[in-house]
N, C-alpha and C. Protein backbone atom coordinates (compact mmCIF):
# COMPACT_ATOMS: atom_id res chain seq x y z
N MET A 1 20.81 -0.74 21.13
CA MET A 1 19.53 -1.36 21.35
C MET A 1 19.61 -2.86 21.09
N VAL A 2 20.60 -3.48 21.63
CA VAL A 2 20.77 -4.92 21.47
C VAL A 2 19.93 -5.64 22.52
N GLN A 3 19.17 -6.62 22.08
CA GLN A 3 18.35 -7.41 22.99
C GLN A 3 19.12 -8.67 23.37
N VAL A 4 19.39 -8.85 24.65
CA VAL A 4 20.14 -10.01 25.12
C VAL A 4 19.17 -10.95 25.81
N THR A 5 19.18 -12.21 25.36
CA THR A 5 18.36 -13.24 25.97
C THR A 5 19.25 -14.44 26.23
N ARG A 6 19.39 -14.80 27.48
CA ARG A 6 20.24 -15.93 27.83
C ARG A 6 19.38 -17.16 28.06
N LYS A 7 19.93 -18.30 27.67
CA LYS A 7 19.21 -19.56 27.80
C LYS A 7 19.55 -20.21 29.13
N ASP A 8 18.51 -20.66 29.84
CA ASP A 8 18.73 -21.43 31.06
C ASP A 8 19.16 -22.85 30.67
N GLU A 9 19.61 -23.61 31.65
CA GLU A 9 20.15 -24.94 31.35
C GLU A 9 19.12 -25.88 30.72
N ARG A 10 17.93 -25.94 31.31
CA ARG A 10 16.93 -26.91 30.83
C ARG A 10 15.83 -26.26 30.00
N GLU A 11 16.06 -25.08 29.52
CA GLU A 11 15.02 -24.37 28.77
C GLU A 11 15.06 -24.77 27.30
N ALA A 12 13.90 -24.92 26.70
CA ALA A 12 13.80 -25.31 25.29
C ALA A 12 14.13 -24.10 24.41
N ASN A 13 14.63 -24.40 23.22
CA ASN A 13 14.99 -23.34 22.28
C ASN A 13 13.79 -22.49 21.89
N GLU A 14 12.63 -23.13 21.75
CA GLU A 14 11.43 -22.39 21.36
C GLU A 14 11.07 -21.32 22.39
N ASN A 15 11.26 -21.66 23.67
CA ASN A 15 10.96 -20.69 24.72
C ASN A 15 11.91 -19.50 24.67
N VAL A 16 13.17 -19.76 24.37
CA VAL A 16 14.15 -18.67 24.26
C VAL A 16 13.77 -17.75 23.11
N ILE A 17 13.40 -18.35 21.99
CA ILE A 17 13.02 -17.56 20.82
C ILE A 17 11.76 -16.74 21.13
N ARG A 18 10.81 -17.35 21.82
CA ARG A 18 9.57 -16.66 22.17
C ARG A 18 9.87 -15.48 23.09
N ARG A 19 10.73 -15.67 24.09
CA ARG A 19 11.09 -14.58 24.99
C ARG A 19 11.80 -13.45 24.24
N PHE A 20 12.70 -13.83 23.34
CA PHE A 20 13.42 -12.83 22.55
C PHE A 20 12.46 -12.01 21.70
N ASN A 21 11.54 -12.71 21.02
CA ASN A 21 10.57 -12.00 20.18
C ASN A 21 9.72 -11.04 21.00
N ARG A 22 9.32 -11.47 22.19
CA ARG A 22 8.51 -10.61 23.06
C ARG A 22 9.30 -9.37 23.47
N LYS A 23 10.58 -9.55 23.82
CA LYS A 23 11.42 -8.41 24.21
C LYS A 23 11.57 -7.42 23.06
N VAL A 24 11.77 -7.95 21.85
CA VAL A 24 11.94 -7.08 20.69
C VAL A 24 10.66 -6.29 20.43
N LEU A 25 9.51 -6.97 20.50
CA LEU A 25 8.24 -6.27 20.28
C LEU A 25 8.00 -5.20 21.34
N GLN A 26 8.30 -5.50 22.59
CA GLN A 26 8.06 -4.55 23.66
C GLN A 26 9.01 -3.36 23.59
N SER A 27 10.21 -3.57 23.09
CA SER A 27 11.17 -2.46 23.03
C SER A 27 10.82 -1.47 21.93
N GLY A 28 10.08 -1.91 20.90
CA GLY A 28 9.69 -1.00 19.81
C GLY A 28 10.75 -0.83 18.75
N VAL A 29 11.74 -1.70 18.70
CA VAL A 29 12.81 -1.59 17.72
C VAL A 29 12.26 -1.79 16.31
N LEU A 30 11.43 -2.81 16.15
CA LEU A 30 10.88 -3.11 14.82
C LEU A 30 9.98 -1.99 14.32
N SER A 31 9.15 -1.45 15.18
CA SER A 31 8.23 -0.40 14.75
C SER A 31 8.99 0.85 14.28
N THR A 32 10.06 1.21 14.98
CA THR A 32 10.84 2.37 14.54
C THR A 32 11.57 2.09 13.24
N ALA A 33 12.05 0.86 13.07
CA ALA A 33 12.74 0.51 11.83
C ALA A 33 11.77 0.54 10.65
N LYS A 34 10.58 0.00 10.84
CA LYS A 34 9.59 0.01 9.77
C LYS A 34 9.13 1.43 9.45
N ALA A 35 8.99 2.25 10.48
CA ALA A 35 8.57 3.64 10.25
C ALA A 35 9.62 4.39 9.45
N SER A 36 10.90 4.13 9.72
CA SER A 36 11.94 4.82 8.97
C SER A 36 12.02 4.31 7.54
N MET A 37 11.63 3.06 7.31
CA MET A 37 11.61 2.53 5.94
C MET A 37 10.50 3.18 5.12
N ARG A 38 9.38 3.46 5.76
CA ARG A 38 8.23 4.03 5.03
C ARG A 38 8.35 5.54 4.85
N PHE A 39 9.26 6.18 5.52
CA PHE A 39 9.38 7.63 5.46
C PHE A 39 9.77 8.07 4.05
N SER A 40 9.08 9.05 3.53
CA SER A 40 9.47 9.62 2.24
C SER A 40 9.51 11.14 2.37
N LYS A 41 10.42 11.73 1.67
CA LYS A 41 10.58 13.17 1.74
C LYS A 41 9.34 13.84 1.12
N PRO A 42 8.92 14.94 1.67
CA PRO A 42 7.75 15.62 1.11
C PRO A 42 8.07 16.19 -0.27
N ILE A 43 7.20 15.90 -1.23
CA ILE A 43 7.39 16.41 -2.58
C ILE A 43 6.18 17.25 -2.96
N SER A 44 6.35 18.06 -3.97
CA SER A 44 5.27 18.96 -4.36
C SER A 44 4.15 18.19 -5.05
N LYS A 45 3.01 18.83 -5.14
CA LYS A 45 1.84 18.19 -5.74
C LYS A 45 2.07 17.93 -7.23
N THR A 46 2.71 18.85 -7.91
CA THR A 46 2.94 18.68 -9.34
C THR A 46 3.91 17.53 -9.60
N GLU A 47 4.93 17.42 -8.75
CA GLU A 47 5.88 16.31 -8.90
C GLU A 47 5.19 14.97 -8.72
N ARG A 48 4.33 14.90 -7.68
CA ARG A 48 3.60 13.68 -7.41
C ARG A 48 2.69 13.33 -8.59
N ARG A 49 2.04 14.34 -9.15
CA ARG A 49 1.16 14.15 -10.31
C ARG A 49 1.94 13.63 -11.51
N ASN A 50 3.09 14.25 -11.77
CA ASN A 50 3.90 13.84 -12.91
C ASN A 50 4.38 12.39 -12.76
N LYS A 51 4.78 12.03 -11.55
CA LYS A 51 5.22 10.65 -11.32
C LYS A 51 4.07 9.67 -11.53
N ALA A 52 2.88 10.05 -11.10
CA ALA A 52 1.71 9.18 -11.28
C ALA A 52 1.39 9.01 -12.76
N ILE A 53 1.51 10.07 -13.53
CA ILE A 53 1.27 9.99 -14.97
C ILE A 53 2.27 9.06 -15.63
N ILE A 54 3.54 9.17 -15.25
CA ILE A 54 4.58 8.30 -15.81
C ILE A 54 4.32 6.85 -15.44
N ARG A 55 3.96 6.60 -14.16
CA ARG A 55 3.65 5.24 -13.72
C ARG A 55 2.49 4.64 -14.52
N LYS A 56 1.45 5.45 -14.72
CA LYS A 56 0.27 4.98 -15.44
C LYS A 56 0.62 4.65 -16.89
N ALA A 57 1.45 5.48 -17.50
CA ALA A 57 1.85 5.24 -18.89
C ALA A 57 2.69 3.97 -19.00
N ARG A 58 3.62 3.79 -18.07
CA ARG A 58 4.44 2.58 -18.09
C ARG A 58 3.60 1.33 -17.91
N LYS A 59 2.63 1.40 -17.01
CA LYS A 59 1.77 0.25 -16.76
C LYS A 59 0.93 -0.08 -18.00
N ALA A 60 0.41 0.95 -18.64
CA ALA A 60 -0.39 0.75 -19.85
C ALA A 60 0.47 0.13 -20.95
N ASP A 61 1.70 0.61 -21.08
CA ASP A 61 2.61 0.07 -22.08
C ASP A 61 2.93 -1.40 -21.79
N LYS A 62 3.15 -1.71 -20.54
CA LYS A 62 3.44 -3.08 -20.13
C LYS A 62 2.26 -4.00 -20.42
N MET A 63 1.06 -3.54 -20.10
CA MET A 63 -0.14 -4.35 -20.35
C MET A 63 -0.36 -4.56 -21.84
N ALA A 64 -0.10 -3.54 -22.64
CA ALA A 64 -0.26 -3.66 -24.10
C ALA A 64 0.73 -4.70 -24.64
N LYS A 65 1.96 -4.67 -24.16
CA LYS A 65 2.95 -5.65 -24.59
C LYS A 65 2.57 -7.06 -24.16
N MET A 66 1.98 -7.17 -22.96
CA MET A 66 1.55 -8.49 -22.49
C MET A 66 0.45 -9.05 -23.37
N ARG A 67 -0.48 -8.18 -23.77
CA ARG A 67 -1.58 -8.63 -24.64
C ARG A 67 -1.06 -9.10 -25.98
N LEU A 68 -0.01 -8.45 -26.48
CA LEU A 68 0.57 -8.85 -27.77
C LEU A 68 1.49 -10.04 -27.66
N GLY A 69 1.90 -10.36 -26.44
CA GLY A 69 2.79 -11.48 -26.24
C GLY A 69 4.24 -11.12 -26.45
N VAL A 70 4.55 -9.84 -26.37
CA VAL A 70 5.92 -9.35 -26.55
C VAL A 70 6.48 -9.03 -25.19
N ARG A 71 7.75 -9.33 -25.01
CA ARG A 71 8.36 -9.02 -23.72
C ARG A 71 8.98 -7.70 -23.71
């Protein structure tokens, strides 16, 4: 899925970049790459809950340390 954009002799660099960006957007390469980055494996409800509890506890601990001025 390589996008090839050739520059004409008197064409400005900005125009080449603009054409390349348009080709990439129209091909859908970026959207598929972003979708694969956001994909997460399905986990159980209890696992998700436990992770949320751990996150909340860590955040509370971090905020308490910030209030005390301790790193």
